[in-house]
Amino acid sequence: MRRSDLLAAAAILLLATSAQAAPKADPAQVVAAERAFAADGLAMGIKGSFLKHSAPEAIVLDPEPMLAQAVYGAAPDGGTAKLAWWPLWAGIARSGDLGFTTGPYSVNGTMRAWYFTVWARQADGGWKWLFDGGPPSSPEGAAAQGSAVAYAHPAARAAGSPAKAMAEVTAAEAALATGAKSDLKAAYLAAIAEDGRVVGSKARPPMSRADLVAELATRPTTVAFSPLGGQASAAGDLAWTYGAARWAEGRGHYVRIWRKDAAGWRLLFDELLPAPETPKS
């Protein structure tokens, strides 16, 4: 064998060994961050815990997208409401720097709805959330606090960089938006991942394809979507996006998780959150 062939074979072996040695991203770390956030919520109160665990660029819908630090920083101190929540479904990027969790929450012991949080690993290795805000989904039948968490399948492919991933996701969002202008249900069924979830109504979060189709039936038949922002993982395999939504009788915002599957970018999570109606003068 020629020396060049030996060098090429050695390089391939080194790459394979490095890939095998690379630690697999564990969604349990996102779950741990969420649970720490929830524990601080009970110990510190809503304002203190939300300020502590949100990234500087984190947003909430109030009712328009606003920086979380500004919203909670301006909130009054004190408050006696006990907000409790726990994750039941979570996912993470292959690069271990972007993830999400969702689950039910209660206020003063009364079950209310579901939360949804997008998380990003920080430069110091810790986690901060980028978005927090969930649908009015019914918590009926939800597993109790401390129950096992289900994990979304990891991405099958990766774009290779955040910039390339966002360019591809932008195209996927544009295709979804184009389809939703004439037939929202068909557009979503073409874009949703096999294990994807779509929420926004007061029904329980879909746990089957039939549930998902029923959830889509609660939405307007046509919607105009306009992207506002988002971020992709370092590997380019997972991305979150948010934007504005308008339909015949209302408006609101969407928040999504996109995953790069074998067939391309697919919706792993989508919530449509109507904006509060403006009182008529």
Protein backbone atom coordinates (compact mmCIF):
# COMPACT_ATOMS: atom_id res chain seq x y z
CA MET A 1 0.00 0.00 0.00
CA ARG A 2 1.27 3.45 -0.87
CA ARG A 3 2.19 5.88 1.89
CA SER A 4 -0.57 8.28 0.77
CA ASP A 5 -3.13 5.48 1.07
CA LEU A 6 -1.90 4.70 4.59
CA LEU A 7 -2.22 8.35 5.59
CA ALA A 8 -5.75 8.55 4.15
CA ALA A 9 -6.80 5.39 5.99
CA ALA A 10 -5.34 6.73 9.24
CA ALA A 11 -7.23 10.00 8.82
CA ILE A 12 -10.50 8.16 8.25
CA LEU A 13 -9.88 5.98 11.31
CA LEU A 14 -9.10 9.06 13.40
CA LEU A 15 -12.31 10.76 12.32
CA ALA A 16 -14.36 7.66 13.07
CA THR A 17 -12.74 7.28 16.49
CA SER A 18 -13.36 10.95 17.30
CA ALA A 19 -17.01 10.67 16.27
CA GLN A 20 -17.45 7.62 18.50
CA ALA A 21 -15.73 9.35 21.40
CA ALA A 22 -17.79 12.53 21.12
CA PRO A 23 -20.29 12.64 23.98
CA LYS A 24 -23.92 12.24 22.93
CA ALA A 25 -26.12 15.19 23.82
CA ASP A 26 -28.39 14.17 26.69
CA PRO A 27 -31.81 15.87 26.94
CA ALA A 28 -31.71 15.17 30.68
CA GLN A 29 -29.57 18.28 31.07
CA VAL A 30 -32.38 20.45 29.68
CA VAL A 31 -34.82 18.72 32.02
CA ALA A 32 -32.46 19.42 34.93
CA ALA A 33 -32.36 23.11 33.98
CA GLU A 34 -36.17 23.25 33.85
CA ARG A 35 -36.50 21.55 37.23
CA ALA A 36 -33.98 23.95 38.78
CA PHE A 37 -35.99 26.85 37.33
CA ALA A 38 -39.21 25.41 38.77
CA ALA A 39 -37.62 24.87 42.18
CA ASP A 40 -36.48 28.50 42.24
CA GLY A 41 -39.97 29.52 41.20
CA LEU A 42 -41.31 28.17 44.48
CA ALA A 43 -38.36 29.37 46.56
CA MET A 44 -37.78 32.82 45.04
CA GLY A 45 -41.15 33.68 43.57
CA ILE A 46 -42.08 34.31 39.95
CA LYS A 47 -40.15 37.55 39.40
CA GLY A 48 -36.86 36.45 40.92
CA SER A 49 -36.79 33.02 39.32
CA PHE A 50 -37.76 34.25 35.85
CA LEU A 51 -35.07 36.93 35.96
CA LYS A 52 -32.46 34.46 37.19
CA HIS A 53 -33.06 31.80 34.56
CA SER A 54 -33.77 33.90 31.44
CA ALA A 55 -31.06 34.84 28.92
CA PRO A 56 -30.51 38.53 28.14
CA GLU A 57 -32.13 38.02 24.71
CA ALA A 58 -35.03 35.90 26.04
CA ILE A 59 -38.53 36.93 25.01
CA VAL A 60 -42.07 36.53 26.28
CA LEU A 61 -45.37 37.49 24.67
CA ASP A 62 -46.79 40.48 26.56
CA PRO A 63 -48.86 40.32 24.34
CA GLU A 64 -46.28 41.27 21.70
CA PRO A 65 -42.74 39.82 21.81
CA MET A 66 -40.88 41.63 24.58
CA LEU A 67 -37.53 41.10 26.30
CA ALA A 68 -38.21 38.96 29.35
CA GLN A 69 -35.69 40.81 31.49
CA ALA A 70 -37.54 44.10 30.86
CA VAL A 71 -40.97 42.61 31.50
CA TYR A 72 -40.07 40.84 34.74
CA GLY A 73 -37.70 43.56 35.83
CA ALA A 74 -40.60 46.03 35.77
CA ALA A 75 -42.94 43.65 37.62
CA PRO A 76 -43.74 44.50 41.26
CA ASP A 77 -41.84 42.68 43.96
CA GLY A 78 -43.56 40.27 46.25
CA GLY A 79 -46.62 38.27 45.29
CA THR A 80 -47.94 35.16 46.97
CA ALA A 81 -49.04 33.07 43.98
CA LYS A 82 -47.38 29.65 43.97
CA LEU A 83 -46.56 28.66 40.41
CA ALA A 84 -45.50 25.03 40.01
CA TRP A 85 -44.62 23.19 36.80
CA TRP A 86 -42.81 20.07 35.66
CA PRO A 87 -41.46 18.73 32.33
CA LEU A 88 -43.00 15.69 30.66
CA TRP A 89 -41.55 16.01 27.15
CA ALA A 90 -38.17 17.37 26.09
CA GLY A 91 -35.65 17.46 23.28
CA ILE A 92 -32.12 18.61 22.57
CA ALA A 93 -29.89 19.36 19.60
CA ARG A 94 -27.09 16.96 18.68
CA SER A 95 -24.63 19.72 19.58
CA GLY A 96 -26.10 19.93 23.08
CA ASP A 97 -26.63 23.69 23.00
CA LEU A 98 -30.35 24.12 22.23
CA GLY A 99 -33.33 22.32 23.69
CA PHE A 100 -36.88 22.57 24.96
CA THR A 101 -39.27 21.16 27.52
CA THR A 102 -43.03 21.24 28.02
CA GLY A 103 -45.40 20.05 30.68
CA PRO A 104 -48.32 21.04 32.91
CA TYR A 105 -48.42 23.79 35.50
CA SER A 106 -50.53 24.77 38.48
CA VAL A 107 -51.23 27.99 40.36
CA ASN A 108 -51.78 27.70 44.10
CA GLY A 109 -52.35 23.98 43.70
CA THR A 110 -54.95 24.27 40.93
CA MET A 111 -53.99 22.76 37.60
CA ARG A 112 -54.22 25.35 34.84
CA ALA A 113 -52.61 24.49 31.47
CA TRP A 114 -49.21 23.67 29.90
CA TYR A 115 -45.98 25.63 29.66
CA PHE A 116 -43.39 25.55 26.88
CA THR A 117 -39.78 26.68 27.26
CA VAL A 118 -36.88 26.97 24.80
CA TRP A 119 -33.42 26.65 26.37
CA ALA A 120 -29.88 27.55 25.23
CA ARG A 121 -26.55 26.55 26.72
CA GLN A 122 -24.52 29.60 27.78
CA ALA A 123 -20.79 30.28 27.42
CA ASP A 124 -20.21 29.18 31.02
CA GLY A 125 -21.88 25.81 30.38
CA GLY A 126 -25.09 26.67 32.21
CA TRP A 127 -28.55 26.93 30.67
CA LYS A 128 -30.83 29.95 30.27
CA TRP A 129 -34.22 30.07 28.61
CA LEU A 130 -34.87 31.96 25.37
CA PHE A 131 -38.66 31.74 25.33
CA ASP A 132 -41.28 30.88 27.91
CA GLY A 133 -44.99 30.73 27.16
CA GLY A 134 -47.38 27.88 26.65
CA PRO A 135 -50.79 27.02 25.25
CA PRO A 136 -54.08 26.72 27.18
CA SER A 137 -53.95 22.94 26.73
CA SER A 138 -55.91 20.94 29.28
CA PRO A 139 -53.72 19.39 32.01
CA GLU A 140 -56.34 16.67 32.55
CA GLY A 141 -54.67 13.28 32.70
CA ALA A 142 -51.14 14.70 32.76
CA ALA A 143 -48.56 12.65 34.64
CA ALA A 144 -47.77 13.80 38.16
CA GLN A 145 -44.77 15.86 39.18
CA GLY A 146 -41.61 13.75 39.25
CA SER A 147 -42.86 11.37 36.53
CA ALA A 148 -40.54 10.11 33.81
CA VAL A 149 -39.92 12.52 30.95
CA ALA A 150 -40.41 11.42 27.34
CA TYR A 151 -37.71 12.51 24.88
CA ALA A 152 -38.13 13.57 21.27
CA HIS A 153 -36.09 11.63 18.73
CA PRO A 154 -32.75 13.27 17.91
CA ALA A 155 -32.26 14.78 14.47
CA ALA A 156 -31.24 12.39 11.71
CA ARG A 157 -29.21 15.01 9.87
CA ALA A 158 -27.51 18.35 10.45
CA ALA A 159 -26.98 21.39 8.26
CA GLY A 160 -23.48 21.85 9.63
CA SER A 161 -23.80 25.44 10.85
CA PRO A 162 -26.40 27.70 12.46
CA ALA A 163 -26.38 30.07 9.48
CA LYS A 164 -27.05 27.31 6.95
CA ALA A 165 -29.70 25.81 9.20
CA MET A 166 -31.55 29.10 9.57
CA ALA A 167 -31.47 29.63 5.81
CA GLU A 168 -33.03 26.20 5.31
CA VAL A 169 -35.56 26.70 8.11
CA THR A 170 -36.53 30.09 6.67
CA ALA A 171 -37.31 28.32 3.40
CA ALA A 172 -39.33 25.67 5.24
CA GLU A 173 -41.27 28.38 7.09
CA ALA A 174 -41.96 30.16 3.80
CA ALA A 175 -43.33 26.94 2.28
CA LEU A 176 -45.55 26.37 5.32
CA ALA A 177 -46.76 29.97 5.22
CA THR A 178 -47.60 29.71 1.53
CA GLY A 179 -49.62 26.53 2.08
CA ALA A 180 -51.38 27.91 5.18
CA LYS A 181 -52.76 30.82 3.18
CA SER A 182 -55.03 28.41 1.30
CA ASP A 183 -55.23 25.24 3.44
CA LEU A 184 -53.64 25.33 6.88
CA LYS A 185 -54.44 21.73 7.76
CA ALA A 186 -52.87 20.30 4.60
CA ALA A 187 -49.80 22.53 4.98
CA TYR A 188 -49.16 21.30 8.50
CA LEU A 189 -49.72 17.64 7.73
CA ALA A 190 -47.08 17.94 5.02
CA ALA A 191 -44.58 19.59 7.40
CA ILE A 192 -45.10 17.86 10.75
CA ALA A 193 -42.64 15.26 12.03
CA GLU A 194 -43.87 11.76 12.82
CA ASP A 195 -43.50 12.50 16.54
CA GLY A 196 -44.42 16.18 16.21
CA ARG A 197 -46.91 18.02 18.38
CA VAL A 198 -49.28 20.85 17.50
CA VAL A 199 -51.03 22.74 20.31
CA GLY A 200 -53.02 25.90 20.89
CA SER A 201 -56.54 24.83 21.81
CA LYS A 202 -57.89 23.87 25.24
CA ALA A 203 -57.76 20.18 24.37
CA ARG A 204 -55.07 17.93 25.83
CA PRO A 205 -51.81 17.96 23.87
CA PRO A 206 -52.04 15.47 20.97
CA MET A 207 -50.59 12.06 21.70
CA SER A 208 -51.49 10.41 18.40
CA ARG A 209 -51.88 11.30 14.74
CA ALA A 210 -55.65 11.34 15.16
CA ASP A 211 -55.31 13.76 18.08
CA LEU A 212 -53.04 15.96 15.96
CA VAL A 213 -55.55 16.07 13.10
CA ALA A 214 -58.29 16.95 15.61
CA GLU A 215 -56.12 19.75 17.04
CA LEU A 216 -55.54 21.19 13.56
CA ALA A 217 -59.30 21.19 13.03
CA THR A 218 -59.63 23.71 15.89
CA ARG A 219 -57.51 26.26 13.99
CA PRO A 220 -58.67 28.69 11.32
CA THR A 221 -58.72 27.10 7.86
CA THR A 222 -56.31 29.73 6.56
CA VAL A 223 -53.65 31.78 8.39
CA ALA A 224 -51.06 34.33 7.28
CA PHE A 225 -47.72 33.79 9.02
CA SER A 226 -44.89 36.35 9.26
CA PRO A 227 -41.54 35.28 10.79
CA LEU A 228 -40.01 37.49 13.48
CA GLY A 229 -36.98 35.60 14.77
CA GLY A 230 -35.36 32.41 15.97
CA GLN A 231 -32.10 30.57 16.45
CA ALA A 232 -30.46 27.32 15.32
CA SER A 233 -28.15 24.97 17.17
CA ALA A 234 -24.41 24.89 16.49
CA ALA A 235 -24.82 21.57 14.68
CA GLY A 236 -27.61 22.99 12.53
CA ASP A 237 -30.00 20.16 13.38
CA LEU A 238 -32.54 21.93 15.59
CA ALA A 239 -34.00 25.43 15.46
CA TRP A 240 -36.68 27.45 17.16
CA THR A 241 -38.68 30.20 15.46
CA TYR A 242 -41.45 32.60 16.34
CA GLY A 243 -43.59 35.01 14.40
CA ALA A 244 -46.90 36.76 13.90
CA ALA A 245 -50.09 35.09 12.74
CA ARG A 246 -53.26 36.63 11.34
CA TRP A 247 -56.56 35.05 10.36
CA ALA A 248 -60.04 36.24 9.48
CA GLU A 249 -61.26 36.81 13.02
CA GLY A 250 -58.11 37.36 14.99
CA ARG A 251 -54.36 37.42 15.31
CA GLY A 252 -51.62 36.07 17.52
CA HIS A 253 -48.19 34.47 17.41
CA TYR A 254 -46.65 31.12 16.66
CA VAL A 255 -43.67 29.42 18.28
CA ARG A 256 -42.02 26.39 16.68
CA ILE A 257 -39.28 23.82 16.98
CA TRP A 258 -37.88 22.54 13.68
CA ARG A 259 -35.78 19.36 13.44
CA LYS A 260 -33.72 18.17 10.48
CA ASP A 261 -35.03 14.69 9.77
CA ALA A 262 -33.97 12.27 7.05
CA ALA A 263 -36.59 13.79 4.73
CA GLY A 264 -35.59 17.37 5.56
CA TRP A 265 -36.73 19.97 8.07
CA ARG A 266 -39.88 18.93 9.89
CA LEU A 267 -41.99 20.55 12.59
CA LEU A 268 -41.35 18.94 15.95
CA PHE A 269 -43.46 21.40 17.93
CA ASP A 270 -45.87 24.19 17.00
CA GLU A 271 -48.07 26.37 19.16
CA LEU A 272 -50.48 29.03 17.94
CA LEU A 273 -51.22 31.59 20.66
CA PRO A 274 -54.05 34.08 20.01
CA ALA A 275 -53.41 37.62 21.21
CA PRO A 276 -55.89 39.02 23.75
CA GLU A 277 -58.74 40.89 22.14
CA THR A 278 -58.42 44.68 22.30
CA PRO A 279 -61.39 46.16 24.18
CA LYS A 280 -63.64 48.24 21.93
CA SER A 281 -63.82 51.91 22.89
